[in-house]
C-alpha atoms as a PDB file:
ATOM      1  CA  UNK A   1      61.355 283.668  85.037  1.00  0.00           C
ATOM      2  CA  UNK A   2      58.495 281.403  84.178  1.00  0.00           C
ATOM      3  CA  UNK A   3      58.122 280.391  80.443  1.00  0.00           C
ATOM      4  CA  UNK A   4      56.199 278.064  78.336  1.00  0.00           C
ATOM      5  CA  UNK A   5      57.676 275.423  75.814  1.00  0.00           C
ATOM      6  CA  UNK A   6      56.356 272.656  73.857  1.00  0.00           C
ATOM      7  CA  UNK A   7      58.581 269.445  73.474  1.00  0.00           C
ATOM      8  CA  UNK A   8      58.375 266.231  71.532  1.00  0.00           C
ATOM      9  CA  UNK A   9      57.702 263.276  74.248  1.00  0.00           C
ATOM     10  CA  UNK A  10      56.952 260.534  72.304  1.00  0.00           C
ATOM     11  CA  UNK A  11      56.036 258.493  69.290  1.00  0.00           C
ATOM     12  CA  UNK A  12      54.284 255.172  69.434  1.00  0.00           C
ATOM     13  CA  UNK A  13      53.706 252.997  66.339  1.00  0.00           C
ATOM     14  CA  UNK A  14      50.247 251.552  66.382  1.00  0.00           C
ATOM     15  CA  UNK A  15      49.630 247.988  65.048  1.00  0.00           C
ATOM     16  CA  UNK A  16      47.853 249.615  61.965  1.00  0.00           C
ATOM     17  CA  UNK A  17      51.126 251.613  61.666  1.00  0.00           C
ATOM     18  CA  UNK A  18      49.396 254.721  62.729  1.00  0.00           C
ATOM     19  CA  UNK A  19      51.515 257.056  64.606  1.00  0.00           C
ATOM     20  CA  UNK A  20      50.506 258.421  68.001  1.00  0.00           C
ATOM     21  CA  UNK A  21      52.617 261.474  68.666  1.00  0.00           C
ATOM     22  CA  UNK A  22      52.827 262.984  72.396  1.00  0.00           C
ATOM     23  CA  UNK A  23      53.822 266.467  72.980  1.00  0.00           C
ATOM     24  CA  UNK A  24      54.503 267.926  76.512  1.00  0.00           C
ATOM     25  CA  UNK A  25      53.497 271.533  77.248  1.00  0.00           C
ATOM     26  CA  UNK A  26      55.716 272.658  80.300  1.00  0.00           C
ATOM     27  CA  UNK A  27      56.048 275.669  82.076  1.00  0.00           C
ATOM     28  CA  UNK A  28      59.557 276.110  83.139  1.00  0.00           C
ATOM     29  CA  UNK A  29      61.639 278.150  85.554  1.00  0.00           C
ATOM     30  CA  UNK A  30      65.073 278.219  84.292  1.00  0.00           C
ATOM     31  CA  UNK A  31      65.429 274.470  83.430  1.00  0.00           C
ATOM     32  CA  UNK A  32      63.054 273.390  86.356  1.00  0.00           C
ATOM     33  CA  UNK A  33      59.886 272.100  85.094  1.00  0.00           C
ATOM     34  CA  UNK A  34      57.030 273.537  87.438  1.00  0.00           C
ATOM     35  CA  UNK A  35      54.076 272.233  85.376  1.00  0.00           C
ATOM     36  CA  UNK A  36      53.676 269.860  82.630  1.00  0.00           C
ATOM     37  CA  UNK A  37      50.397 268.740  80.446  1.00  0.00           C
ATOM     38  CA  UNK A  38      50.470 266.260  77.511  1.00  0.00           C
ATOM     39  CA  UNK A  39      48.547 266.182  74.273  1.00  0.00           C
ATOM     40  CA  UNK A  40      48.423 263.630  71.614  1.00  0.00           C
ATOM     41  CA  UNK A  41      47.467 263.500  68.004  1.00  0.00           C
ATOM     42  CA  UNK A  42      47.651 260.670  65.309  1.00  0.00           C
ATOM     43  CA  UNK A  43      48.982 260.522  61.957  1.00  0.00           C
ATOM     44  CA  UNK A  44      47.872 258.057  59.375  1.00  0.00           C
ATOM     45  CA  UNK A  45      50.193 256.113  56.814  1.00  0.00           C
ATOM     46  CA  UNK A  46      51.071 258.507  53.904  1.00  0.00           C
ATOM     47  CA  UNK A  47      50.020 261.743  55.990  1.00  0.00           C
ATOM     48  CA  UNK A  48      51.935 264.941  55.279  1.00  0.00           C
ATOM     49  CA  UNK A  49      54.876 265.170  57.639  1.00  0.00           C
ATOM     50  CA  UNK A  50      55.498 268.872  57.058  1.00  0.00           C
ATOM     51  CA  UNK A  51      56.108 270.591  60.568  1.00  0.00           C
ATOM     52  CA  UNK A  52      56.619 267.423  62.265  1.00  0.00           C
ATOM     53  CA  UNK A  53      59.274 266.678  64.908  1.00  0.00           C
ATOM     54  CA  UNK A  54      62.323 265.182  63.041  1.00  0.00           C
ATOM     55  CA  UNK A  55      62.025 261.991  65.180  1.00  0.00           C
ATOM     56  CA  UNK A  56      58.403 261.408  63.872  1.00  0.00           C
ATOM     57  CA  UNK A  57      59.460 261.897  60.321  1.00  0.00           C
ATOM     58  CA  UNK A  58      62.525 259.403  60.812  1.00  0.00           C
ATOM     59  CA  UNK A  59      59.891 256.879  62.305  1.00  0.00           C
ATOM     60  CA  UNK A  60      57.441 257.217  59.679  1.00  0.00           C
ATOM     61  CA  UNK A  61      60.138 257.122  56.886  1.00  0.00           C
ATOM     62  CA  UNK A  62      61.054 253.809  58.384  1.00  0.00           C
ATOM     63  CA  UNK A  63      57.475 252.257  59.153  1.00  0.00           C
ATOM     64  CA  UNK A  64      55.411 253.705  56.334  1.00  0.00           C
ATOM     65  CA  UNK A  65      56.419 251.418  53.355  1.00  0.00           C
ATOM     66  CA  UNK A  66      54.582 251.483  50.192  1.00  0.00           C
ATOM     67  CA  UNK A  67      52.961 248.209  51.395  1.00  0.00           C
ATOM     68  CA  UNK A  68      52.137 249.394  54.818  1.00  0.00           C
ATOM     69  CA  UNK A  69      50.516 252.273  53.291  1.00  0.00           C
ATOM     70  CA  UNK A  70      48.389 250.209  50.957  1.00  0.00           C
ATOM     71  CA  UNK A  71      47.203 248.121  53.555  1.00  0.00           C
ATOM     72  CA  UNK A  72      46.080 250.638  55.889  1.00  0.00           C
ATOM     73  CA  UNK A  73      44.080 252.313  52.662  1.00  0.00           C
ATOM     74  CA  UNK A  74      42.475 249.147  52.088  1.00  0.00           C
ATOM     75  CA  UNK A  75      41.706 248.557  55.569  1.00  0.00           C
ATOM     76  CA  UNK A  76      40.345 252.034  56.110  1.00  0.00           C
ATOM     77  CA  UNK A  77      38.255 251.730  52.949  1.00  0.00           C
ATOM     78  CA  UNK A  78      36.801 248.538  54.155  1.00  0.00           C
ATOM     79  CA  UNK A  79      35.825 250.213  57.332  1.00  0.00           C
ATOM     80  CA  UNK A  80      34.279 253.371  55.743  1.00  0.00           C
ATOM     81  CA  UNK A  81      31.813 251.246  53.481  1.00  0.00           C
END
């Protein structure tokens, strides 16, 4: 029987400390993956982590120090001006 599932696939930390998260949308037959597509989204330093995969929360808590958040905010404010 074919079913769909979404799984956490990857979390990359960009030089700006933005997190790029990749999820895999899979169609499976039992445990055999029949098809898979990926989608990505980004989280900026200080973003709300509610509902994020536990691995993403752990990485954000390790990388997003107060200094990293302040540096990102300073850089993004400079770019938008």
